[in-house]
Amino acid sequence: MNWNKRKARRVQFEHEHRATLLGSDGTWWRDCVLIDVSDPGAGLRISGTTDFLKSRRFFLLLSRTGLAFRRCELVRLDGQEVSVRFVMRWTAGGRTILRAASPTQVSD
C-alpha cells in the first residue's frame, strides 16, 4: 500500500506498536500492529483473517485496558494491511450517522 499520497502528516513507528481491533458490537476482536498514524486515520497490519471487517465499523484499542481507543471506519483493505478513518460518532438502531474526524477534531 502506498501511504505517502496522504495529505495529513503521518507518523511511522520504529518499533511494533501492538493494538487491538474490537467489533462495535463487541462480538469479535483481532490483534493488529500500527503501521502509521495521522490525525484523520491510521494504517494497520492485521493478524489472521480479515473476514470480520465486513462490518466496516469497529474500535481501535490502543491500550490493554481499553481506556485509549478510537472509533474507526474501514477505508481500504489490501491483504493483511488496512487503512482506517477515525470517526467522531455513530448511533445504532438503523439510523447510523457517521462523521469523519477532521484533523482538528480527533479526541475522545
PDB file of N, CA and C in Angstrom:
ATOM      1  N   MET A   1       0.828  -1.177   0.000  1.00  0.00           N
ATOM      2  CA  MET A   1       0.000   0.000   0.000  1.00  0.00           C
ATOM      3  C   MET A   1       0.870   1.236   0.000  1.00  0.00           C
ATOM      4  N   ASN A   2       0.508   2.235  -0.758  1.00  0.00           N
ATOM      5  CA  ASN A   2       1.262   3.467  -0.779  1.00  0.00           C
ATOM      6  C   ASN A   2       0.590   4.492   0.121  1.00  0.00           C
ATOM      7  N   TRP A   3       1.135   4.662   1.312  1.00  0.00           N
ATOM      8  CA  TRP A   3       0.556   5.584   2.286  1.00  0.00           C
ATOM      9  C   TRP A   3       1.053   7.010   2.048  1.00  0.00           C
ATOM     10  N   ASN A   4       2.032   7.216   1.182  1.00  0.00           N
ATOM     11  CA  ASN A   4       2.658   8.517   1.016  1.00  0.00           C
ATOM     12  C   ASN A   4       1.802   9.528   0.273  1.00  0.00           C
ATOM     13  N   LYS A   5       0.699   9.136  -0.335  1.00  0.00           N
ATOM     14  CA  LYS A   5      -0.150  10.058  -1.079  1.00  0.00           C
ATOM     15  C   LYS A   5      -1.085  10.849  -0.169  1.00  0.00           C
ATOM     16  N   ARG A   6      -1.074  10.570   1.095  1.00  0.00           N
ATOM     17  CA  ARG A   6      -1.972  11.232   2.034  1.00  0.00           C
ATOM     18  C   ARG A   6      -1.562  12.679   2.252  1.00  0.00           C
ATOM     19  N   LYS A   7      -2.573  13.520   2.490  1.00  0.00           N
ATOM     20  CA  LYS A   7      -2.315  14.937   2.736  1.00  0.00           C
ATOM     21  C   LYS A   7      -1.836  15.186   4.157  1.00  0.00           C
ATOM     22  N   ALA A   8      -2.392  14.450   5.124  1.00  0.00           N
ATOM     23  CA  ALA A   8      -2.024  14.650   6.524  1.00  0.00           C
ATOM     24  C   ALA A   8      -0.657  14.038   6.804  1.00  0.00           C
ATOM     25  N   ARG A   9       0.086  14.666   7.687  1.00  0.00           N
ATOM     26  CA  ARG A   9       1.393  14.157   8.084  1.00  0.00           C
ATOM     27  C   ARG A   9       1.209  12.863   8.864  1.00  0.00           C
ATOM     28  N   ARG A  10       1.885  11.805   8.433  1.00  0.00           N
ATOM     29  CA  ARG A  10       1.749  10.506   9.066  1.00  0.00           C
ATOM     30  C   ARG A  10       3.013  10.186   9.845  1.00  0.00           C
ATOM     31  N   VAL A  11       2.821   9.586  10.991  1.00  0.00           N
ATOM     32  CA  VAL A  11       3.928   9.176  11.842  1.00  0.00           C
ATOM     33  C   VAL A  11       4.088   7.674  11.708  1.00  0.00           C
ATOM     34  N   GLN A  12       5.302   7.232  11.362  1.00  0.00           N
ATOM     35  CA  GLN A  12       5.596   5.804  11.297  1.00  0.00           C
ATOM     36  C   GLN A  12       6.406   5.420  12.525  1.00  0.00           C
ATOM     37  N   PHE A  13       6.217   4.196  12.982  1.00  0.00           N
ATOM     38  CA  PHE A  13       6.851   3.738  14.206  1.00  0.00           C
ATOM     39  C   PHE A  13       8.105   2.939  13.906  1.00  0.00           C
ATOM     40  N   GLU A  14       9.152   3.145  14.721  1.00  0.00           N
ATOM     41  CA  GLU A  14      10.385   2.379  14.574  1.00  0.00           C
ATOM     42  C   GLU A  14      10.218   0.958  15.102  1.00  0.00           C
ATOM     43  N   HIS A  15       9.410   0.804  16.124  1.00  0.00           N
ATOM     44  CA  HIS A  15       9.156  -0.500  16.730  1.00  0.00           C
ATOM     45  C   HIS A  15       7.678  -0.820  16.577  1.00  0.00           C
ATOM     46  N   GLU A  16       7.356  -2.108  16.630  1.00  0.00           N
ATOM     47  CA  GLU A  16       5.955  -2.511  16.516  1.00  0.00           C
ATOM     48  C   GLU A  16       5.151  -1.951  17.680  1.00  0.00           C
ATOM     49  N   HIS A  17       4.045  -1.327  17.348  1.00  0.00           N
ATOM     50  CA  HIS A  17       3.120  -0.859  18.366  1.00  0.00           C
ATOM     51  C   HIS A  17       1.859  -1.706  18.234  1.00  0.00           C
ATOM     52  N   ARG A  18       1.683  -2.615  19.162  1.00  0.00           N
ATOM     53  CA  ARG A  18       0.546  -3.529  19.118  1.00  0.00           C
ATOM     54  C   ARG A  18      -0.728  -2.838  19.570  1.00  0.00           C
ATOM     55  N   ALA A  19      -1.825  -3.226  18.937  1.00  0.00           N
ATOM     56  CA  ALA A  19      -3.145  -2.688  19.266  1.00  0.00           C
ATOM     57  C   ALA A  19      -4.161  -3.804  19.038  1.00  0.00           C
ATOM     58  N   THR A  20      -5.423  -3.506  19.267  1.00  0.00           N
ATOM     59  CA  THR A  20      -6.489  -4.483  19.094  1.00  0.00           C
ATOM     60  C   THR A  20      -7.658  -3.838  18.384  1.00  0.00           C
ATOM     61  N   LEU A  21      -8.225  -4.551  17.418  1.00  0.00           N
ATOM     62  CA  LEU A  21      -9.473  -4.129  16.789  1.00  0.00           C
ATOM     63  C   LEU A  21     -10.605  -4.845  17.499  1.00  0.00           C
ATOM     64  N   LEU A  22     -11.663  -4.115  17.809  1.00  0.00           N
ATOM     65  CA  LEU A  22     -12.813  -4.674  18.526  1.00  0.00           C
ATOM     66  C   LEU A  22     -14.074  -4.291  17.776  1.00  0.00           C
ATOM     67  N   GLY A  23     -14.908  -5.283  17.478  1.00  0.00           N
ATOM     68  CA  GLY A  23     -16.165  -5.022  16.791  1.00  0.00           C
ATOM     69  C   GLY A  23     -17.022  -4.031  17.556  1.00  0.00           C
ATOM     70  N   SER A  24     -17.761  -3.192  16.854  1.00  0.00           N
ATOM     71  CA  SER A  24     -18.585  -2.176  17.517  1.00  0.00           C
ATOM     72  C   SER A  24     -19.650  -2.809  18.407  1.00  0.00           C
ATOM     73  N   ASP A  25     -20.023  -4.065  18.116  1.00  0.00           N
ATOM     74  CA  ASP A  25     -20.991  -4.766  18.961  1.00  0.00           C
ATOM     75  C   ASP A  25     -20.309  -5.669  19.993  1.00  0.00           C
ATOM     76  N   GLY A  26     -18.979  -5.692  19.998  1.00  0.00           N
ATOM     77  CA  GLY A  26     -18.224  -6.468  20.982  1.00  0.00           C
ATOM     78  C   GLY A  26     -18.138  -7.955  20.707  1.00  0.00           C
ATOM     79  N   THR A  27     -18.592  -8.412  19.535  1.00  0.00           N
ATOM     80  CA  THR A  27     -18.624  -9.856  19.264  1.00  0.00           C
ATOM     81  C   THR A  27     -17.324 -10.404  18.700  1.00  0.00           C
ATOM     82  N   TRP A  28     -16.383  -9.555  18.282  1.00  0.00           N
ATOM     83  CA  TRP A  28     -15.117 -10.048  17.742  1.00  0.00           C
ATOM     84  C   TRP A  28     -13.985  -9.096  18.112  1.00  0.00           C
ATOM     85  N   TRP A  29     -12.763  -9.631  18.069  1.00  0.00           N
ATOM     86  CA  TRP A  29     -11.566  -8.825  18.257  1.00  0.00           C
ATOM     87  C   TRP A  29     -10.415  -9.466  17.502  1.00  0.00           C
ATOM     88  N   ARG A  30      -9.457  -8.660  17.094  1.00  0.00           N
ATOM     89  CA  ARG A  30      -8.256  -9.149  16.405  1.00  0.00           C
ATOM     90  C   ARG A  30      -7.061  -8.308  16.818  1.00  0.00           C
ATOM     91  N   ASP A  31      -5.933  -8.969  16.978  1.00  0.00           N
ATOM     92  CA  ASP A  31      -4.692  -8.254  17.229  1.00  0.00           C
ATOM     93  C   ASP A  31      -4.234  -7.587  15.941  1.00  0.00           C
ATOM     94  N   CYS A  32      -3.582  -6.453  16.079  1.00  0.00           N
ATOM     95  CA  CYS A  32      -3.045  -5.754  14.916  1.00  0.00           C
ATOM     96  C   CYS A  32      -1.805  -4.972  15.339  1.00  0.00           C
ATOM     97  N   VAL A  33      -1.122  -4.440  14.340  1.00  0.00           N
ATOM     98  CA  VAL A  33       0.056  -3.616  14.562  1.00  0.00           C
ATOM     99  C   VAL A  33      -0.171  -2.290  13.850  1.00  0.00           C
ATOM    100  N   LEU A  34       0.082  -1.192  14.542  1.00  0.00           N
ATOM    101  CA  LEU A  34       0.001   0.123  13.911  1.00  0.00           C
ATOM    102  C   LEU A  34       1.190   0.294  12.981  1.00  0.00           C
ATOM    103  N   ILE A  35       0.927   0.548  11.718  1.00  0.00           N
ATOM    104  CA  ILE A  35       1.994   0.828  10.761  1.00  0.00           C
ATOM    105  C   ILE A  35       2.333   2.308  10.807  1.00  0.00           C
ATOM    106  N   ASP A  36       1.291   3.133  10.745  1.00  0.00           N
ATOM    107  CA  ASP A  36       1.447   4.577  10.843  1.00  0.00           C
ATOM    108  C   ASP A  36       0.139   5.187  11.301  1.00  0.00           C
ATOM    109  N   VAL A  37       0.198   6.439  11.710  1.00  0.00           N
ATOM    110  CA  VAL A  37      -0.989   7.121  12.220  1.00  0.00           C
ATOM    111  C   VAL A  37      -0.894   8.609  11.886  1.00  0.00           C
ATOM    112  N   SER A  38      -2.057   9.217  11.683  1.00  0.00           N
ATOM    113  CA  SER A  38      -2.157  10.657  11.467  1.00  0.00           C
ATOM    114  C   SER A  38      -3.414  11.133  12.185  1.00  0.00           C
ATOM    115  N   ASP A  39      -3.694  12.420  12.124  1.00  0.00           N
ATOM    116  CA  ASP A  39      -4.903  12.933  12.769  1.00  0.00           C
ATOM    117  C   ASP A  39      -6.174  12.271  12.240  1.00  0.00           C
ATOM    118  N   PRO A  40      -6.346  12.148  10.916  1.00  0.00           N
ATOM    119  CA  PRO A  40      -7.617  11.590  10.435  1.00  0.00           C
ATOM    120  C   PRO A  40      -7.691  10.064  10.387  1.00  0.00           C
ATOM    121  N   GLY A  41      -6.580   9.336  10.502  1.00  0.00           N
ATOM    122  CA  GLY A  41      -6.674   7.885  10.385  1.00  0.00           C
ATOM    123  C   GLY A  41      -5.370   7.167  10.667  1.00  0.00           C
ATOM    124  N   ALA A  42      -5.346   5.871  10.290  1.00  0.00           N
ATOM    125  CA  ALA A  42      -4.175   5.044  10.572  1.00  0.00           C
ATOM    126  C   ALA A  42      -4.060   3.921   9.563  1.00  0.00           C
ATOM    127  N   GLY A  43      -2.864   3.373   9.473  1.00  0.00           N
ATOM    128  CA  GLY A  43      -2.594   2.167   8.709  1.00  0.00           C
ATOM    129  C   GLY A  43      -2.294   1.048   9.680  1.00  0.00           C
ATOM    130  N   LEU A  44      -2.882  -0.130   9.456  1.00  0.00           N
ATOM    131  CA  LEU A  44      -2.749  -1.258  10.372  1.00  0.00           C
ATOM    132  C   LEU A  44      -2.394  -2.528   9.620  1.00  0.00           C
ATOM    133  N   ARG A  45      -1.700  -3.431  10.292  1.00  0.00           N
ATOM    134  CA  ARG A  45      -1.468  -4.778   9.780  1.00  0.00           C
ATOM    135  C   ARG A  45      -2.180  -5.727  10.725  1.00  0.00           C
ATOM    136  N   ILE A  46      -3.071  -6.542  10.171  1.00  0.00           N
ATOM    137  CA  ILE A  46      -3.923  -7.409  10.984  1.00  0.00           C
ATOM    138  C   ILE A  46      -3.354  -8.821  11.040  1.00  0.00           C
ATOM    139  N   SER A  47      -3.438  -9.431  12.215  1.00  0.00           N
ATOM    140  CA  SER A  47      -3.045 -10.827  12.393  1.00  0.00           C
ATOM    141  C   SER A  47      -4.244 -11.712  12.082  1.00  0.00           C
ATOM    142  N   GLY A  48      -4.070 -12.695  11.220  1.00  0.00           N
ATOM    143  CA  GLY A  48      -5.148 -13.625  10.914  1.00  0.00           C
ATOM    144  C   GLY A  48      -6.076 -13.130   9.821  1.00  0.00           C
ATOM    145  N   THR A  49      -7.265 -13.703   9.800  1.00  0.00           N
ATOM    146  CA  THR A  49      -8.243 -13.413   8.760  1.00  0.00           C
ATOM    147  C   THR A  49      -8.799 -11.994   8.862  1.00  0.00           C
ATOM    148  N   THR A  50      -9.235 -11.459   7.737  1.00  0.00           N
ATOM    149  CA  THR A  50      -9.836 -10.119   7.710  1.00  0.00           C
ATOM    150  C   THR A  50     -11.335 -10.188   7.395  1.00  0.00           C
ATOM    151  N   ASP A  51     -11.922 -11.379   7.428  1.00  0.00           N
ATOM    152  CA  ASP A  51     -13.344 -11.545   7.111  1.00  0.00           C
ATOM    153  C   ASP A  51     -14.245 -10.716   8.011  1.00  0.00           C
ATOM    154  N   PHE A  52     -13.841 -10.508   9.239  1.00  0.00           N
ATOM    155  CA  PHE A  52     -14.651  -9.766  10.199  1.00  0.00           C
ATOM    156  C   PHE A  52     -14.832  -8.300   9.812  1.00  0.00           C
ATOM    157  N   LEU A  53     -14.042  -7.784   8.905  1.00  0.00           N
ATOM    158  CA  LEU A  53     -14.114  -6.362   8.539  1.00  0.00           C
ATOM    159  C   LEU A  53     -15.294  -6.033   7.631  1.00  0.00           C
ATOM    160  N   LYS A  54     -16.154  -7.001   7.388  1.00  0.00           N
ATOM    161  CA  LYS A  54     -17.363  -6.734   6.601  1.00  0.00           C
ATOM    162  C   LYS A  54     -18.235  -5.677   7.277  1.00  0.00           C
ATOM    163  N   SER A  55     -18.158  -5.580   8.591  1.00  0.00           N
ATOM    164  CA  SER A  55     -18.964  -4.601   9.329  1.00  0.00           C
ATOM    165  C   SER A  55     -18.520  -3.168   9.050  1.00  0.00           C
ATOM    166  N   ARG A  56     -17.286  -2.989   8.662  1.00  0.00           N
ATOM    167  CA  ARG A  56     -16.688  -1.694   8.304  1.00  0.00           C
ATOM    168  C   ARG A  56     -16.589  -0.714   9.467  1.00  0.00           C
ATOM    169  N   ARG A  57     -17.184  -0.990  10.611  1.00  0.00           N
ATOM    170  CA  ARG A  57     -17.085  -0.097  11.769  1.00  0.00           C
ATOM    171  C   ARG A  57     -16.595  -0.891  12.967  1.00  0.00           C
ATOM    172  N   PHE A  58     -15.651  -0.312  13.698  1.00  0.00           N
ATOM    173  CA  PHE A  58     -15.056  -1.012  14.823  1.00  0.00           C
ATOM    174  C   PHE A  58     -14.284  -0.025  15.671  1.00  0.00           C
ATOM    175  N   PHE A  59     -13.724  -0.530  16.762  1.00  0.00           N
ATOM    176  CA  PHE A  59     -12.890   0.276  17.638  1.00  0.00           C
ATOM    177  C   PHE A  59     -11.445  -0.159  17.483  1.00  0.00           C
ATOM    178  N   LEU A  60     -10.531   0.789  17.578  1.00  0.00           N
ATOM    179  CA  LEU A  60      -9.104   0.524  17.641  1.00  0.00           C
ATOM    180  C   LEU A  60      -8.690   0.795  19.076  1.00  0.00           C
ATOM    181  N   LEU A  61      -8.366  -0.278  19.814  1.00  0.00           N
ATOM    182  CA  LEU A  61      -7.949  -0.150  21.215  1.00  0.00           C
ATOM    183  C   LEU A  61      -6.442   0.018  21.250  1.00  0.00           C
ATOM    184  N   LEU A  62      -6.004   1.117  21.824  1.00  0.00           N
ATOM    185  CA  LEU A  62      -4.583   1.441  21.845  1.00  0.00           C
ATOM    186  C   LEU A  62      -3.912   1.083  23.164  1.00  0.00           C
ATOM    187  N   SER A  63      -4.698   0.633  24.142  1.00  0.00           N
ATOM    188  CA  SER A  63      -4.145   0.226  25.426  1.00  0.00           C
ATOM    189  C   SER A  63      -4.778  -1.092  25.844  1.00  0.00           C
ATOM    190  N   ARG A  64      -4.111  -1.820  26.699  1.00  0.00           N
ATOM    191  CA  ARG A  64      -4.636  -3.107  27.160  1.00  0.00           C
ATOM    192  C   ARG A  64      -5.916  -2.949  27.971  1.00  0.00           C
ATOM    193  N   THR A  65      -6.073  -1.834  28.644  1.00  0.00           N
ATOM    194  CA  THR A  65      -7.258  -1.608  29.469  1.00  0.00           C
ATOM    195  C   THR A  65      -8.441  -1.092  28.655  1.00  0.00           C
ATOM    196  N   GLY A  66      -8.201  -0.659  27.420  1.00  0.00           N
ATOM    197  CA  GLY A  66      -9.273  -0.139  26.583  1.00  0.00           C
ATOM    198  C   GLY A  66      -9.596   1.317  26.847  1.00  0.00           C
ATOM    199  N   LEU A  67      -8.816   1.974  27.695  1.00  0.00           N
ATOM    200  CA  LEU A  67      -9.086   3.370  28.015  1.00  0.00           C
ATOM    201  C   LEU A  67      -8.663   4.318  26.893  1.00  0.00           C
ATOM    202  N   ALA A  68      -7.715   3.914  26.082  1.00  0.00           N
ATOM    203  CA  ALA A  68      -7.307   4.717  24.918  1.00  0.00           C
ATOM    204  C   ALA A  68      -7.807   3.996  23.676  1.00  0.00           C
ATOM    205  N   PHE A  69      -8.766   4.621  22.976  1.00  0.00           N
ATOM    206  CA  PHE A  69      -9.345   3.982  21.800  1.00  0.00           C
ATOM    207  C   PHE A  69      -9.794   5.030  20.799  1.00  0.00           C
ATOM    208  N   ARG A  70     -10.080   4.581  19.589  1.00  0.00           N
ATOM    209  CA  ARG A  70     -10.650   5.417  18.537  1.00  0.00           C
ATOM    210  C   ARG A  70     -11.736   4.623  17.832  1.00  0.00           C
ATOM    211  N   ARG A  71     -12.829   5.289  17.510  1.00  0.00           N
ATOM    212  CA  ARG A  71     -13.856   4.691  16.656  1.00  0.00           C
ATOM    213  C   ARG A  71     -13.336   4.772  15.232  1.00  0.00           C
ATOM    214  N   CYS A  72     -13.495   3.689  14.464  1.00  0.00           N
ATOM    215  CA  CYS A  72     -12.918   3.635  13.118  1.00  0.00           C
ATOM    216  C   CYS A  72     -13.914   3.173  12.075  1.00  0.00           C
ATOM    217  N   GLU A  73     -13.623   3.554  10.857  1.00  0.00           N
ATOM    218  CA  GLU A  73     -14.349   3.083   9.691  1.00  0.00           C
ATOM    219  C   GLU A  73     -13.315   2.590   8.692  1.00  0.00           C
ATOM    220  N   LEU A  74     -13.562   1.425   8.127  1.00  0.00           N
ATOM    221  CA  LEU A  74     -12.651   0.864   7.140  1.00  0.00           C
ATOM    222  C   LEU A  74     -12.666   1.711   5.873  1.00  0.00           C
ATOM    223  N   VAL A  75     -11.484   2.073   5.388  1.00  0.00           N
ATOM    224  CA  VAL A  75     -11.354   2.835   4.154  1.00  0.00           C
ATOM    225  C   VAL A  75     -10.859   1.935   3.034  1.00  0.00           C
ATOM    226  N   ARG A  76      -9.839   1.108   3.343  1.00  0.00           N
ATOM    227  CA  ARG A  76      -9.228   0.283   2.317  1.00  0.00           C
ATOM    228  C   ARG A  76      -8.682  -0.995   2.937  1.00  0.00           C
ATOM    229  N   LEU A  77      -8.815  -2.092   2.199  1.00  0.00           N
ATOM    230  CA  LEU A  77      -8.294  -3.385   2.623  1.00  0.00           C
ATOM    231  C   LEU A  77      -7.401  -3.922   1.518  1.00  0.00           C
ATOM    232  N   ASP A  78      -6.157  -4.253   1.866  1.00  0.00           N
ATOM    233  CA  ASP A  78      -5.192  -4.778   0.903  1.00  0.00           C
ATOM    234  C   ASP A  78      -4.437  -5.923   1.572  1.00  0.00           C
ATOM    235  N   GLY A  79      -4.981  -7.134   1.441  1.00  0.00           N
ATOM    236  CA  GLY A  79      -4.374  -8.286   2.104  1.00  0.00           C
ATOM    237  C   GLY A  79      -4.525  -8.163   3.612  1.00  0.00           C
ATOM    238  N   GLN A  80      -3.395  -8.146   4.328  1.00  0.00           N
ATOM    239  CA  GLN A  80      -3.404  -8.011   5.783  1.00  0.00           C
ATOM    240  C   GLN A  80      -3.301  -6.553   6.231  1.00  0.00           C
ATOM    241  N   GLU A  81      -3.115  -5.622   5.305  1.00  0.00           N
ATOM    242  CA  GLU A  81      -2.997  -4.213   5.666  1.00  0.00           C
ATOM    243  C   GLU A  81      -4.297  -3.476   5.381  1.00  0.00           C
ATOM    244  N   VAL A  82      -4.676  -2.624   6.322  1.00  0.00           N
ATOM    245  CA  VAL A  82      -5.912  -1.851   6.175  1.00  0.00           C
ATOM    246  C   VAL A  82      -5.630  -0.384   6.459  1.00  0.00           C
ATOM    247  N   SER A  83      -6.467   0.436   5.886  1.00  0.00           N
ATOM    248  CA  SER A  83      -6.464   1.861   6.151  1.00  0.00           C
ATOM    249  C   SER A  83      -7.786   2.194   6.821  1.00  0.00           C
ATOM    250  N   VAL A  84      -7.727   2.937   7.933  1.00  0.00           N
ATOM    251  CA  VAL A  84      -8.941   3.292   8.659  1.00  0.00           C
ATOM    252  C   VAL A  84      -9.026   4.798   8.829  1.00  0.00           C
ATOM    253  N   ARG A  85     -10.246   5.274   8.934  1.00  0.00           N
ATOM    254  CA  ARG A  85     -10.531   6.686   9.207  1.00  0.00           C
ATOM    255  C   ARG A  85     -11.128   6.759  10.598  1.00  0.00           C
ATOM    256  N   PHE A  86     -10.642   7.706  11.402  1.00  0.00           N
ATOM    257  CA  PHE A  86     -11.207   7.895  12.730  1.00  0.00           C
ATOM    258  C   PHE A  86     -12.547   8.604  12.589  1.00  0.00           C
ATOM    259  N   VAL A  87     -13.546   8.112  13.335  1.00  0.00           N
ATOM    260  CA  VAL A  87     -14.910   8.627  13.255  1.00  0.00           C
ATOM    261  C   VAL A  87     -15.286   9.206  14.612  1.00  0.00           C
ATOM    262  N   MET A  88     -15.942  10.346  14.579  1.00  0.00           N
ATOM    263  CA  MET A  88     -16.298  11.015  15.831  1.00  0.00           C
ATOM    264  C   MET A  88     -17.482  10.363  16.541  1.00  0.00           C
ATOM    265  N   ARG A  89     -18.514   9.894  15.803  1.00  0.00           N
ATOM    266  CA  ARG A  89     -19.664   9.263  16.470  1.00  0.00           C
ATOM    267  C   ARG A  89     -20.465   8.423  15.483  1.00  0.00           C
ATOM    268  N   TRP A  90     -21.218   7.494  16.053  1.00  0.00           N
ATOM    269  CA  TRP A  90     -22.218   6.769  15.284  1.00  0.00           C
ATOM    270  C   TRP A  90     -23.321   6.368  16.240  1.00  0.00           C
ATOM    271  N   THR A  91     -24.505   6.157  15.712  1.00  0.00           N
ATOM    272  CA  THR A  91     -25.631   5.726  16.540  1.00  0.00           C
ATOM    273  C   THR A  91     -26.151   4.409  16.003  1.00  0.00           C
ATOM    274  N   ALA A  92     -26.827   3.668  16.837  1.00  0.00           N
ATOM    275  CA  ALA A  92     -27.344   2.356  16.453  1.00  0.00           C
ATOM    276  C   ALA A  92     -28.824   2.458  16.105  1.00  0.00           C
ATOM    277  N   GLY A  93     -29.435   1.338  15.837  1.00  0.00           N
ATOM    278  CA  GLY A  93     -30.871   1.301  15.596  1.00  0.00           C
ATOM    279  C   GLY A  93     -31.272   1.613  14.172  1.00  0.00           C
ATOM    280  N   GLY A  94     -30.405   1.325  13.214  1.00  0.00           N
ATOM    281  CA  GLY A  94     -30.771   1.534  11.822  1.00  0.00           C
ATOM    282  C   GLY A  94     -30.583   2.958  11.324  1.00  0.00           C
ATOM    283  N   ARG A  95     -30.406   3.907  12.214  1.00  0.00           N
ATOM    284  CA  ARG A  95     -30.187   5.296  11.819  1.00  0.00           C
ATOM    285  C   ARG A  95     -28.739   5.655  12.093  1.00  0.00           C
ATOM    286  N   THR A  96     -27.849   5.064  11.348  1.00  0.00           N
ATOM    287  CA  THR A  96     -26.432   5.253  11.573  1.00  0.00           C
ATOM    288  C   THR A  96     -25.978   6.602  11.041  1.00  0.00           C
ATOM    289  N   ILE A  97     -25.268   7.322  11.871  1.00  0.00           N
ATOM    290  CA  ILE A  97     -24.708   8.608  11.481  1.00  0.00           C
ATOM    291  C   ILE A  97     -23.206   8.530  11.679  1.00  0.00           C
ATOM    292  N   LEU A  98     -22.463   8.651  10.609  1.00  0.00           N
ATOM    293  CA  LEU A  98     -21.007   8.653  10.690  1.00  0.00           C
ATOM    294  C   LEU A  98     -20.507  10.032  10.322  1.00  0.00           C
ATOM    295  N   ARG A  99     -19.559  10.522  11.061  1.00  0.00           N
ATOM    296  CA  ARG A  99     -18.934  11.779  10.721  1.00  0.00           C
ATOM    297  C   ARG A  99     -17.430  11.584  10.860  1.00  0.00           C
ATOM    298  N   ALA A 100     -16.740  11.689   9.753  1.00  0.00           N
ATOM    299  CA  ALA A 100     -15.289  11.515   9.783  1.00  0.00           C
ATOM    300  C   ALA A 100     -14.664  12.657  10.559  1.00  0.00           C
ATOM    301  N   ALA A 101     -13.624  12.337  11.290  1.00  0.00           N
ATOM    302  CA  ALA A 101     -12.933  13.335  12.083  1.00  0.00           C
ATOM    303  C   ALA A 101     -12.041  14.188  11.180  1.00  0.00           C
ATOM    304  N   SER A 102     -12.081  15.470  11.401  1.00  0.00           N
ATOM    305  CA  SER A 102     -11.148  16.344  10.704  1.00  0.00           C
ATOM    306  C   SER A 102      -9.874  16.390  11.550  1.00  0.00           C
ATOM    307  N   PRO A 103      -8.764  16.851  11.004  1.00  0.00           N
ATOM    308  CA  PRO A 103      -7.512  16.853  11.752  1.00  0.00           C
ATOM    309  C   PRO A 103      -7.581  17.581  13.097  1.00  0.00           C
ATOM    310  N   THR A 104      -8.480  18.547  13.234  1.00  0.00           N
ATOM    311  CA  THR A 104      -8.574  19.286  14.489  1.00  0.00           C
ATOM    312  C   THR A 104      -9.573  18.693  15.462  1.00  0.00           C
ATOM    313  N   GLN A 105     -10.329  17.661  15.045  1.00  0.00           N
ATOM    314  CA  GLN A 105     -11.383  17.120  15.883  1.00  0.00           C
ATOM    315  C   GLN A 105     -11.048  15.813  16.572  1.00  0.00           C
ATOM    316  N   VAL A 106      -9.915  15.214  16.296  1.00  0.00           N
ATOM    317  CA  VAL A 106      -9.628  13.897  16.827  1.00  0.00           C
ATOM    318  C   VAL A 106      -9.336  13.996  18.321  1.00  0.00           C
ATOM    319  N   SER A 107     -10.315  13.589  19.099  1.00  0.00           N
ATOM    320  CA  SER A 107     -10.159  13.485  20.545  1.00  0.00           C
ATOM    321  C   SER A 107     -11.364  12.732  21.077  1.00  0.00           C
ATOM    322  N   ASP A 108     -11.155  11.925  22.078  1.00  0.00           N
ATOM    323  CA  ASP A 108     -12.249  11.167  22.703  1.00  0.00           C
ATOM    324  C   ASP A 108     -12.266  11.435  24.168  1.00  0.00           C
TER     325      ASP A 108
END
